[in-house]
Amino acid sequence: MTPTKYQIHFTVGFKRKFKQISKKNLTLKNSIKKTVHSLAEDPFQRTLRTHQVNTSKYGKVFSSSVSKDIRIIWDFQDKDMAILLLAIGGHSGSNKVYMHYLRITL
């Protein structure tokens, strides 16, 4: 296994939501794990469609795509050498991962 550029850390809320949404969906679970690995290598890969968002709960953070609807909300930690995964969830519908946000261009 090759070393990654960033260390990945998880909040308790992220872990709980990850278990909940991937419990009965092995394909989604594998997609999330692949996305987390990609974040550790380079969080700004084109395939992740990473962009900065302003959330009501976390302030200015980053959002990266897992699938068409699933997003991971994260931010840098420890002088940019670690990534803290804050939340995971849908982009649309009643179970949105960020309720009110403004897209901020990088």
PDB file of N, CA and C in Angstrom:
ATOM      1  N   MET A   1       0.835  -1.169   0.000  1.00  0.00           N
ATOM      2  CA  MET A   1       0.000   0.000   0.000  1.00  0.00           C
ATOM      3  C   MET A   1       0.890   1.245   0.000  1.00  0.00           C
ATOM      4  N   THR A   2       0.577   2.197  -0.858  1.00  0.00           N
ATOM      5  CA  THR A   2       1.378   3.409  -0.944  1.00  0.00           C
ATOM      6  C   THR A   2       0.978   4.389   0.141  1.00  0.00           C
ATOM      7  N   PRO A   3       1.956   5.158   0.648  1.00  0.00           N
ATOM      8  CA  PRO A   3       1.620   6.137   1.675  1.00  0.00           C
ATOM      9  C   PRO A   3       0.759   7.262   1.084  1.00  0.00           C
ATOM     10  N   THR A   4      -0.094   7.828   1.906  1.00  0.00           N
ATOM     11  CA  THR A   4      -0.968   8.904   1.452  1.00  0.00           C
ATOM     12  C   THR A   4      -0.423  10.245   1.935  1.00  0.00           C
ATOM     13  N   LYS A   5      -0.829  11.290   1.264  1.00  0.00           N
ATOM     14  CA  LYS A   5      -0.361  12.633   1.589  1.00  0.00           C
ATOM     15  C   LYS A   5      -0.991  13.155   2.875  1.00  0.00           C
ATOM     16  N   TYR A   6      -2.271  12.845   3.081  1.00  0.00           N
ATOM     17  CA  TYR A   6      -3.009  13.352   4.233  1.00  0.00           C
ATOM     18  C   TYR A   6      -3.466  12.215   5.136  1.00  0.00           C
ATOM     19  N   GLN A   7      -3.487  12.486   6.430  1.00  0.00           N
ATOM     20  CA  GLN A   7      -4.092  11.553   7.375  1.00  0.00           C
ATOM     21  C   GLN A   7      -5.585  11.854   7.419  1.00  0.00           C
ATOM     22  N   ILE A   8      -6.390  10.833   7.607  1.00  0.00           N
ATOM     23  CA  ILE A   8      -7.837  11.004   7.674  1.00  0.00           C
ATOM     24  C   ILE A   8      -8.305  10.765   9.107  1.00  0.00           C
ATOM     25  N   HIS A   9      -9.104  11.703   9.614  1.00  0.00           N
ATOM     26  CA  HIS A   9      -9.716  11.587  10.938  1.00  0.00           C
ATOM     27  C   HIS A   9     -11.232  11.698  10.767  1.00  0.00           C
ATOM     28  N   PHE A  10     -11.982  11.073  11.655  1.00  0.00           N
ATOM     29  CA  PHE A  10     -13.440  11.021  11.560  1.00  0.00           C
ATOM     30  C   PHE A  10     -14.068  11.602  12.818  1.00  0.00           C
ATOM     31  N   THR A  11     -15.151  12.329  12.662  1.00  0.00           N
ATOM     32  CA  THR A  11     -15.939  12.724  13.826  1.00  0.00           C
ATOM     33  C   THR A  11     -16.855  11.555  14.186  1.00  0.00           C
ATOM     34  N   VAL A  12     -17.361  11.552  15.391  1.00  0.00           N
ATOM     35  CA  VAL A  12     -18.292  10.513  15.833  1.00  0.00           C
ATOM     36  C   VAL A  12     -19.547  10.555  14.961  1.00  0.00           C
ATOM     37  N   GLY A  13     -20.015  11.751  14.649  1.00  0.00           N
ATOM     38  CA  GLY A  13     -21.200  11.904  13.806  1.00  0.00           C
ATOM     39  C   GLY A  13     -21.003  11.326  12.419  1.00  0.00           C
ATOM     40  N   PHE A  14     -19.804  11.506  11.852  1.00  0.00           N
ATOM     41  CA  PHE A  14     -19.517  10.941  10.536  1.00  0.00           C
ATOM     42  C   PHE A  14     -19.571   9.417  10.590  1.00  0.00           C
ATOM     43  N   LYS A  15     -18.924   8.839  11.591  1.00  0.00           N
ATOM     44  CA  LYS A  15     -18.909   7.376  11.722  1.00  0.00           C
ATOM     45  C   LYS A  15     -20.322   6.815  11.862  1.00  0.00           C
ATOM     46  N   ARG A  16     -21.124   7.469  12.677  1.00  0.00           N
ATOM     47  CA  ARG A  16     -22.498   7.013  12.906  1.00  0.00           C
ATOM     48  C   ARG A  16     -23.307   7.062  11.600  1.00  0.00           C
ATOM     49  N   LYS A  17     -23.199   8.179  10.879  1.00  0.00           N
ATOM     50  CA  LYS A  17     -23.961   8.334   9.642  1.00  0.00           C
ATOM     51  C   LYS A  17     -23.450   7.383   8.564  1.00  0.00           C
ATOM     52  N   PHE A  18     -22.134   7.153   8.512  1.00  0.00           N
ATOM     53  CA  PHE A  18     -21.554   6.205   7.555  1.00  0.00           C
ATOM     54  C   PHE A  18     -22.151   4.814   7.759  1.00  0.00           C
ATOM     55  N   LYS A  19     -22.195   4.368   9.003  1.00  0.00           N
ATOM     56  CA  LYS A  19     -22.781   3.056   9.305  1.00  0.00           C
ATOM     57  C   LYS A  19     -24.247   2.995   8.909  1.00  0.00           C
ATOM     58  N   GLN A  20     -24.958   4.063   9.168  1.00  0.00           N
ATOM     59  CA  GLN A  20     -26.393   4.110   8.889  1.00  0.00           C
ATOM     60  C   GLN A  20     -26.679   4.041   7.383  1.00  0.00           C
ATOM     61  N   ILE A  21     -25.967   4.845   6.578  1.00  0.00           N
ATOM     62  CA  ILE A  21     -26.304   4.883   5.153  1.00  0.00           C
ATOM     63  C   ILE A  21     -25.694   3.735   4.356  1.00  0.00           C
ATOM     64  N   SER A  22     -24.651   3.098   4.888  1.00  0.00           N
ATOM     65  CA  SER A  22     -24.018   2.008   4.131  1.00  0.00           C
ATOM     66  C   SER A  22     -24.377   0.618   4.665  1.00  0.00           C
ATOM     67  N   LYS A  23     -25.201   0.561   5.679  1.00  0.00           N
ATOM     68  CA  LYS A  23     -25.545  -0.690   6.362  1.00  0.00           C
ATOM     69  C   LYS A  23     -26.021  -1.789   5.409  1.00  0.00           C
ATOM     70  N   LYS A  24     -26.918  -1.455   4.509  1.00  0.00           N
ATOM     71  CA  LYS A  24     -27.486  -2.465   3.617  1.00  0.00           C
ATOM     72  C   LYS A  24     -27.053  -2.285   2.166  1.00  0.00           C
ATOM     73  N   ASN A  25     -26.017  -1.481   1.944  1.00  0.00           N
ATOM     74  CA  ASN A  25     -25.596  -1.191   0.581  1.00  0.00           C
ATOM     75  C   ASN A  25     -24.077  -1.337   0.459  1.00  0.00           C
ATOM     76  N   LEU A  26     -23.617  -2.523   0.126  1.00  0.00           N
ATOM     77  CA  LEU A  26     -22.190  -2.805   0.018  1.00  0.00           C
ATOM     78  C   LEU A  26     -21.518  -1.972  -1.070  1.00  0.00           C
ATOM     79  N   THR A  27     -22.225  -1.723  -2.168  1.00  0.00           N
ATOM     80  CA  THR A  27     -21.670  -0.913  -3.250  1.00  0.00           C
ATOM     81  C   THR A  27     -21.397   0.506  -2.772  1.00  0.00           C
ATOM     82  N   LEU A  28     -22.350   1.091  -2.054  1.00  0.00           N
ATOM     83  CA  LEU A  28     -22.165   2.438  -1.515  1.00  0.00           C
ATOM     84  C   LEU A  28     -21.033   2.458  -0.496  1.00  0.00           C
ATOM     85  N   LYS A  29     -20.983   1.444   0.345  1.00  0.00           N
ATOM     86  CA  LYS A  29     -19.918   1.354   1.348  1.00  0.00           C
ATOM     87  C   LYS A  29     -18.542   1.359   0.683  1.00  0.00           C
ATOM     88  N   ASN A  30     -18.391   0.583  -0.381  1.00  0.00           N
ATOM     89  CA  ASN A  30     -17.118   0.536  -1.102  1.00  0.00           C
ATOM     90  C   ASN A  30     -16.815   1.858  -1.796  1.00  0.00           C
ATOM     91  N   SER A  31     -17.835   2.516  -2.322  1.00  0.00           N
ATOM     92  CA  SER A  31     -17.650   3.820  -2.967  1.00  0.00           C
ATOM     93  C   SER A  31     -17.176   4.866  -1.955  1.00  0.00           C
ATOM     94  N   ILE A  32     -17.745   4.831  -0.763  1.00  0.00           N
ATOM     95  CA  ILE A  32     -17.338   5.776   0.281  1.00  0.00           C
ATOM     96  C   ILE A  32     -15.885   5.533   0.673  1.00  0.00           C
ATOM     97  N   LYS A  33     -15.523   4.263   0.862  1.00  0.00           N
ATOM     98  CA  LYS A  33     -14.136   3.936   1.219  1.00  0.00           C
ATOM     99  C   LYS A  33     -13.166   4.377   0.135  1.00  0.00           C
ATOM    100  N   LYS A  34     -13.549   4.193  -1.119  1.00  0.00           N
ATOM    101  CA  LYS A  34     -12.704   4.621  -2.239  1.00  0.00           C
ATOM    102  C   LYS A  34     -12.546   6.148  -2.248  1.00  0.00           C
ATOM    103  N   THR A  35     -13.635   6.851  -1.980  1.00  0.00           N
ATOM    104  CA  THR A  35     -13.584   8.310  -1.937  1.00  0.00           C
ATOM    105  C   THR A  35     -12.694   8.797  -0.799  1.00  0.00           C
ATOM    106  N   VAL A  36     -12.808   8.178   0.366  1.00  0.00           N
ATOM    107  CA  VAL A  36     -11.972   8.555   1.512  1.00  0.00           C
ATOM    108  C   VAL A  36     -10.497   8.326   1.181  1.00  0.00           C
ATOM    109  N   HIS A  37     -10.193   7.225   0.523  1.00  0.00           N
ATOM    110  CA  HIS A  37      -8.813   6.963   0.116  1.00  0.00           C
ATOM    111  C   HIS A  37      -8.336   8.029  -0.882  1.00  0.00           C
ATOM    112  N   SER A  38      -9.200   8.407  -1.807  1.00  0.00           N
ATOM    113  CA  SER A  38      -8.852   9.454  -2.775  1.00  0.00           C
ATOM    114  C   SER A  38      -8.615  10.790  -2.081  1.00  0.00           C
ATOM    115  N   LEU A  39      -9.426  11.098  -1.067  1.00  0.00           N
ATOM    116  CA  LEU A  39      -9.220  12.325  -0.298  1.00  0.00           C
ATOM    117  C   LEU A  39      -7.852  12.331   0.375  1.00  0.00           C
ATOM    118  N   ALA A  40      -7.435  11.177   0.878  1.00  0.00           N
ATOM    119  CA  ALA A  40      -6.134  11.072   1.543  1.00  0.00           C
ATOM    120  C   ALA A  40      -4.983  11.282   0.564  1.00  0.00           C
ATOM    121  N   GLU A  41      -5.183  10.885  -0.690  1.00  0.00           N
ATOM    122  CA  GLU A  41      -4.140  11.060  -1.697  1.00  0.00           C
ATOM    123  C   GLU A  41      -4.092  12.490  -2.224  1.00  0.00           C
ATOM    124  N   ASP A  42      -5.247  13.020  -2.639  1.00  0.00           N
ATOM    125  CA  ASP A  42      -5.340  14.376  -3.185  1.00  0.00           C
ATOM    126  C   ASP A  42      -6.793  14.829  -3.113  1.00  0.00           C
ATOM    127  N   PRO A  43      -7.138  15.667  -2.144  1.00  0.00           N
ATOM    128  CA  PRO A  43      -8.535  16.053  -1.965  1.00  0.00           C
ATOM    129  C   PRO A  43      -9.103  16.909  -3.102  1.00  0.00           C
ATOM    130  N   PHE A  44      -8.266  17.351  -4.017  1.00  0.00           N
ATOM    131  CA  PHE A  44      -8.747  18.193  -5.111  1.00  0.00           C
ATOM    132  C   PHE A  44      -8.673  17.494  -6.467  1.00  0.00           C
ATOM    133  N   GLN A  45      -8.701  16.151  -6.466  1.00  0.00           N
ATOM    134  CA  GLN A  45      -8.797  15.403  -7.724  1.00  0.00           C
ATOM    135  C   GLN A  45     -10.092  15.788  -8.413  1.00  0.00           C
ATOM    136  N   ARG A  46     -10.053  15.878  -9.716  1.00  0.00           N
ATOM    137  CA  ARG A  46     -11.253  16.265 -10.479  1.00  0.00           C
ATOM    138  C   ARG A  46     -12.435  15.328 -10.218  1.00  0.00           C
ATOM    139  N   THR A  47     -12.153  14.046 -10.070  1.00  0.00           N
ATOM    140  CA  THR A  47     -13.235  13.065  -9.895  1.00  0.00           C
ATOM    141  C   THR A  47     -14.029  13.291  -8.604  1.00  0.00           C
ATOM    142  N   LEU A  48     -13.433  13.940  -7.615  1.00  0.00           N
ATOM    143  CA  LEU A  48     -14.112  14.196  -6.344  1.00  0.00           C
ATOM    144  C   LEU A  48     -15.033  15.418  -6.408  1.00  0.00           C
ATOM    145  N   ARG A  49     -14.836  16.246  -7.415  1.00  0.00           N
ATOM    146  CA  ARG A  49     -15.617  17.480  -7.582  1.00  0.00           C
ATOM    147  C   ARG A  49     -15.672  18.282  -6.274  1.00  0.00           C
ATOM    148  N   THR A  50     -14.524  18.429  -5.647  1.00  0.00           N
ATOM    149  CA  THR A  50     -14.404  19.148  -4.381  1.00  0.00           C
ATOM    150  C   THR A  50     -14.634  20.641  -4.598  1.00  0.00           C
ATOM    151  N   HIS A  51     -15.413  21.214  -3.710  1.00  0.00           N
ATOM    152  CA  HIS A  51     -15.619  22.657  -3.723  1.00  0.00           C
ATOM    153  C   HIS A  51     -15.865  23.117  -2.296  1.00  0.00           C
ATOM    154  N   GLN A  52     -15.622  24.389  -2.070  1.00  0.00           N
ATOM    155  CA  GLN A  52     -15.820  24.946  -0.740  1.00  0.00           C
ATOM    156  C   GLN A  52     -17.271  25.370  -0.593  1.00  0.00           C
ATOM    157  N   VAL A  53     -17.833  25.100   0.576  1.00  0.00           N
ATOM    158  CA  VAL A  53     -19.209  25.485   0.887  1.00  0.00           C
ATOM    159  C   VAL A  53     -19.246  26.195   2.239  1.00  0.00           C
ATOM    160  N   ASN A  54     -20.254  26.991   2.430  1.00  0.00           N
ATOM    161  CA  ASN A  54     -20.452  27.676   3.699  1.00  0.00           C
ATOM    162  C   ASN A  54     -21.689  27.070   4.352  1.00  0.00           C
ATOM    163  N   THR A  55     -21.480  26.226   5.351  1.00  0.00           N
ATOM    164  CA  THR A  55     -22.603  25.537   6.002  1.00  0.00           C
ATOM    165  C   THR A  55     -23.008  26.271   7.273  1.00  0.00           C
ATOM    166  N   SER A  56     -24.248  26.086   7.659  1.00  0.00           N
ATOM    167  CA  SER A  56     -24.723  26.715   8.889  1.00  0.00           C
ATOM    168  C   SER A  56     -24.109  26.049  10.123  1.00  0.00           C
ATOM    169  N   LYS A  57     -23.783  24.768  10.038  1.00  0.00           N
ATOM    170  CA  LYS A  57     -23.257  24.037  11.194  1.00  0.00           C
ATOM    171  C   LYS A  57     -21.743  24.144  11.335  1.00  0.00           C
ATOM    172  N   TYR A  58     -20.998  24.061  10.202  1.00  0.00           N
ATOM    173  CA  TYR A  58     -19.537  23.993  10.261  1.00  0.00           C
ATOM    174  C   TYR A  58     -18.835  25.240   9.738  1.00  0.00           C
ATOM    175  N   GLY A  59     -19.554  26.168   9.149  1.00  0.00           N
ATOM    176  CA  GLY A  59     -18.921  27.330   8.544  1.00  0.00           C
ATOM    177  C   GLY A  59     -18.357  26.970   7.179  1.00  0.00           C
ATOM    178  N   LYS A  60     -17.245  27.595   6.796  1.00  0.00           N
ATOM    179  CA  LYS A  60     -16.630  27.331   5.501  1.00  0.00           C
ATOM    180  C   LYS A  60     -15.819  26.036   5.561  1.00  0.00           C
ATOM    181  N   VAL A  61     -16.277  25.046   4.809  1.00  0.00           N
ATOM    182  CA  VAL A  61     -15.630  23.735   4.745  1.00  0.00           C
ATOM    183  C   VAL A  61     -15.661  23.264   3.295  1.00  0.00           C
ATOM    184  N   PHE A  62     -15.267  22.028   3.067  1.00  0.00           N
ATOM    185  CA  PHE A  62     -15.227  21.468   1.721  1.00  0.00           C
ATOM    186  C   PHE A  62     -16.247  20.346   1.572  1.00  0.00           C
ATOM    187  N   SER A  63     -16.727  20.174   0.345  1.00  0.00           N
ATOM    188  CA  SER A  63     -17.659  19.104   0.005  1.00  0.00           C
ATOM    189  C   SER A  63     -17.078  18.327  -1.170  1.00  0.00           C
ATOM    190  N   SER A  64     -17.083  16.999  -1.058  1.00  0.00           N
ATOM    191  CA  SER A  64     -16.602  16.132  -2.144  1.00  0.00           C
ATOM    192  C   SER A  64     -17.658  15.080  -2.441  1.00  0.00           C
ATOM    193  N   SER A  65     -17.748  14.700  -3.703  1.00  0.00           N
ATOM    194  CA  SER A  65     -18.767  13.752  -4.150  1.00  0.00           C
ATOM    195  C   SER A  65     -18.328  12.306  -3.975  1.00  0.00           C
ATOM    196  N   VAL A  66     -19.249  11.491  -3.477  1.00  0.00           N
ATOM    197  CA  VAL A  66     -19.067  10.040  -3.438  1.00  0.00           C
ATOM    198  C   VAL A  66     -19.801   9.434  -4.625  1.00  0.00           C
ATOM    199  N   SER A  67     -21.030   9.881  -4.823  1.00  0.00           N
ATOM    200  CA  SER A  67     -21.872   9.421  -5.923  1.00  0.00           C
ATOM    201  C   SER A  67     -22.670  10.617  -6.421  1.00  0.00           C
ATOM    202  N   LYS A  68     -23.636  10.348  -7.258  1.00  0.00           N
ATOM    203  CA  LYS A  68     -24.451  11.439  -7.782  1.00  0.00           C
ATOM    204  C   LYS A  68     -25.128  12.232  -6.660  1.00  0.00           C
ATOM    205  N   ASP A  69     -25.549  11.561  -5.596  1.00  0.00           N
ATOM    206  CA  ASP A  69     -26.257  12.237  -4.515  1.00  0.00           C
ATOM    207  C   ASP A  69     -25.470  12.343  -3.204  1.00  0.00           C
ATOM    208  N   ILE A  70     -24.562  11.440  -2.921  1.00  0.00           N
ATOM    209  CA  ILE A  70     -23.882  11.394  -1.617  1.00  0.00           C
ATOM    210  C   ILE A  70     -22.657  12.311  -1.607  1.00  0.00           C
ATOM    211  N   ARG A  71     -22.542  13.114  -0.545  1.00  0.00           N
ATOM    212  CA  ARG A  71     -21.431  14.039  -0.361  1.00  0.00           C
ATOM    213  C   ARG A  71     -20.757  13.804   0.984  1.00  0.00           C
ATOM    214  N   ILE A  72     -19.453  14.085   1.023  1.00  0.00           N
ATOM    215  CA  ILE A  72     -18.695  14.084   2.276  1.00  0.00           C
ATOM    216  C   ILE A  72     -18.310  15.536   2.552  1.00  0.00           C
ATOM    217  N   ILE A  73     -18.605  15.987   3.761  1.00  0.00           N
ATOM    218  CA  ILE A  73     -18.240  17.323   4.213  1.00  0.00           C
ATOM    219  C   ILE A  73     -16.989  17.165   5.080  1.00  0.00           C
ATOM    220  N   TRP A  74     -15.958  17.954   4.772  1.00  0.00           N
ATOM    221  CA  TRP A  74     -14.676  17.807   5.475  1.00  0.00           C
ATOM    222  C   TRP A  74     -13.950  19.139   5.551  1.00  0.00           C
ATOM    223  N   ASP A  75     -12.888  19.152   6.356  1.00  0.00           N
ATOM    224  CA  ASP A  75     -12.035  20.329   6.458  1.00  0.00           C
ATOM    225  C   ASP A  75     -10.618  19.881   6.796  1.00  0.00           C
ATOM    226  N   PHE A  76      -9.679  20.762   6.537  1.00  0.00           N
ATOM    227  CA  PHE A  76      -8.291  20.479   6.897  1.00  0.00           C
ATOM    228  C   PHE A  76      -8.124  20.614   8.403  1.00  0.00           C
ATOM    229  N   GLN A  77      -7.163  19.857   8.934  1.00  0.00           N
ATOM    230  CA  GLN A  77      -6.889  19.846  10.363  1.00  0.00           C
ATOM    231  C   GLN A  77      -5.378  19.760  10.529  1.00  0.00           C
ATOM    232  N   ASP A  78      -4.853  20.242  11.614  1.00  0.00           N
ATOM    233  CA  ASP A  78      -3.424  20.130  11.918  1.00  0.00           C
ATOM    234  C   ASP A  78      -2.539  20.697  10.815  1.00  0.00           C
ATOM    235  N   LYS A  79      -2.688  21.973  10.553  1.00  0.00           N
ATOM    236  CA  LYS A  79      -1.859  22.685   9.575  1.00  0.00           C
ATOM    237  C   LYS A  79      -1.883  22.023   8.201  1.00  0.00           C
ATOM    238  N   ASP A  80      -3.043  21.597   7.773  1.00  0.00           N
ATOM    239  CA  ASP A  80      -3.284  21.070   6.429  1.00  0.00           C
ATOM    240  C   ASP A  80      -2.660  19.704   6.147  1.00  0.00           C
ATOM    241  N   MET A  81      -2.167  18.997   7.111  1.00  0.00           N
ATOM    242  CA  MET A  81      -1.603  17.666   6.855  1.00  0.00           C
ATOM    243  C   MET A  81      -2.571  16.552   7.241  1.00  0.00           C
ATOM    244  N   ALA A  82      -3.738  16.922   7.708  1.00  0.00           N
ATOM    245  CA  ALA A  82      -4.776  15.941   8.048  1.00  0.00           C
ATOM    246  C   ALA A  82      -6.120  16.481   7.592  1.00  0.00           C
ATOM    247  N   ILE A  83      -7.027  15.558   7.310  1.00  0.00           N
ATOM    248  CA  ILE A  83      -8.375  15.902   6.895  1.00  0.00           C
ATOM    249  C   ILE A  83      -9.339  15.327   7.928  1.00  0.00           C
ATOM    250  N   LEU A  84     -10.253  16.167   8.387  1.00  0.00           N
ATOM    251  CA  LEU A  84     -11.276  15.745   9.339  1.00  0.00           C
ATOM    252  C   LEU A  84     -12.589  15.595   8.587  1.00  0.00           C
ATOM    253  N   LEU A  85     -13.120  14.377   8.550  1.00  0.00           N
ATOM    254  CA  LEU A  85     -14.400  14.110   7.908  1.00  0.00           C
ATOM    255  C   LEU A  85     -15.505  14.449   8.899  1.00  0.00           C
ATOM    256  N   LEU A  86     -16.322  15.440   8.547  1.00  0.00           N
ATOM    257  CA  LEU A  86     -17.327  15.985   9.457  1.00  0.00           C
ATOM    258  C   LEU A  86     -18.687  15.335   9.310  1.00  0.00           C
ATOM    259  N   ALA A  87     -19.137  15.147   8.063  1.00  0.00           N
ATOM    260  CA  ALA A  87     -20.490  14.648   7.829  1.00  0.00           C
ATOM    261  C   ALA A  87     -20.546  13.942   6.481  1.00  0.00           C
ATOM    262  N   ILE A  88     -21.535  13.100   6.331  1.00  0.00           N
ATOM    263  CA  ILE A  88     -21.799  12.416   5.067  1.00  0.00           C
ATOM    264  C   ILE A  88     -23.314  12.312   4.910  1.00  0.00           C
ATOM    265  N   GLY A  89     -23.763  12.470   3.677  1.00  0.00           N
ATOM    266  CA  GLY A  89     -25.199  12.351   3.446  1.00  0.00           C
ATOM    267  C   GLY A  89     -25.571  12.774   2.052  1.00  0.00           C
ATOM    268  N   GLY A  90     -26.856  12.858   1.822  1.00  0.00           N
ATOM    269  CA  GLY A  90     -27.374  13.201   0.516  1.00  0.00           C
ATOM    270  C   GLY A  90     -27.230  14.673   0.192  1.00  0.00           C
ATOM    271  N   HIS A  91     -27.151  14.968  -1.085  1.00  0.00           N
ATOM    272  CA  HIS A  91     -27.082  16.343  -1.562  1.00  0.00           C
ATOM    273  C   HIS A  91     -28.476  16.927  -1.694  1.00  0.00           C
ATOM    274  N   SER A  92     -29.458  16.073  -1.923  1.00  0.00           N
ATOM    275  CA  SER A  92     -30.829  16.535  -2.120  1.00  0.00           C
ATOM    276  C   SER A  92     -31.782  15.730  -1.244  1.00  0.00           C
ATOM    277  N   GLY A  93     -33.034  16.069  -1.283  1.00  0.00           N
ATOM    278  CA  GLY A  93     -34.025  15.348  -0.495  1.00  0.00           C
ATOM    279  C   GLY A  93     -34.120  15.866   0.924  1.00  0.00           C
ATOM    280  N   SER A  94     -34.853  15.159   1.752  1.00  0.00           N
ATOM    281  CA  SER A  94     -35.084  15.612   3.122  1.00  0.00           C
ATOM    282  C   SER A  94     -33.908  15.313   4.053  1.00  0.00           C
ATOM    283  N   ASN A  95     -32.956  14.513   3.614  1.00  0.00           N
ATOM    284  CA  ASN A  95     -31.832  14.118   4.448  1.00  0.00           C
ATOM    285  C   ASN A  95     -30.537  14.752   3.948  1.00  0.00           C
ATOM    286  N   LYS A  96     -30.563  16.050   3.675  1.00  0.00           N
ATOM    287  CA  LYS A  96     -29.409  16.750   3.121  1.00  0.00           C
ATOM    288  C   LYS A  96     -28.265  16.804   4.119  1.00  0.00           C
ATOM    289  N   VAL A  97     -27.062  16.685   3.606  1.00  0.00           N
ATOM    290  CA  VAL A  97     -25.881  16.737   4.458  1.00  0.00           C
ATOM    291  C   VAL A  97     -25.580  18.173   4.879  1.00  0.00           C
ATOM    292  N   TYR A  98     -25.931  19.129   4.056  1.00  0.00           N
ATOM    293  CA  TYR A  98     -25.841  20.535   4.458  1.00  0.00           C
ATOM    294  C   TYR A  98     -27.126  21.218   4.023  1.00  0.00           C
ATOM    295  N   MET A  99     -27.828  21.728   5.002  1.00  0.00           N
ATOM    296  CA  MET A  99     -29.145  22.298   4.737  1.00  0.00           C
ATOM    297  C   MET A  99     -29.056  23.627   4.003  1.00  0.00           C
ATOM    298  N   HIS A 100     -28.307  24.556   4.521  1.00  0.00           N
ATOM    299  CA  HIS A 100     -28.184  25.862   3.901  1.00  0.00           C
ATOM    300  C   HIS A 100     -26.710  26.095   3.586  1.00  0.00           C
ATOM    301  N   TYR A 101     -26.418  26.277   2.329  1.00  0.00           N
ATOM    302  CA  TYR A 101     -25.035  26.528   1.983  1.00  0.00           C
ATOM    303  C   TYR A 101     -24.961  27.492   0.817  1.00  0.00           C
ATOM    304  N   LEU A 102     -23.819  28.140   0.728  1.00  0.00           N
ATOM    305  CA  LEU A 102     -23.498  28.993  -0.401  1.00  0.00           C
ATOM    306  C   LEU A 102     -22.281  28.406  -1.062  1.00  0.00           C
ATOM    307  N   ARG A 103     -22.333  28.197  -2.348  1.00  0.00           N
ATOM    308  CA  ARG A 103     -21.177  27.660  -3.038  1.00  0.00           C
ATOM    309  C   ARG A 103     -20.146  28.760  -3.196  1.00  0.00           C
ATOM    310  N   ILE A 104     -18.924  28.457  -2.849  1.00  0.00           N
ATOM    311  CA  ILE A 104     -17.842  29.415  -2.922  1.00  0.00           C
ATOM    312  C   ILE A 104     -16.838  28.900  -3.938  1.00  0.00           C
ATOM    313  N   THR A 105     -16.510  29.690  -4.904  1.00  0.00           N
ATOM    314  CA  THR A 105     -15.546  29.252  -5.912  1.00  0.00           C
ATOM    315  C   THR A 105     -14.139  29.379  -5.352  1.00  0.00           C
ATOM    316  N   LEU A 106     -13.298  28.444  -5.724  1.00  0.00           N
ATOM    317  CA  LEU A 106     -11.911  28.437  -5.251  1.00  0.00           C
ATOM    318  C   LEU A 106     -11.050  29.340  -6.086  1.00  0.00           C
TER     319      LEU A 106
END
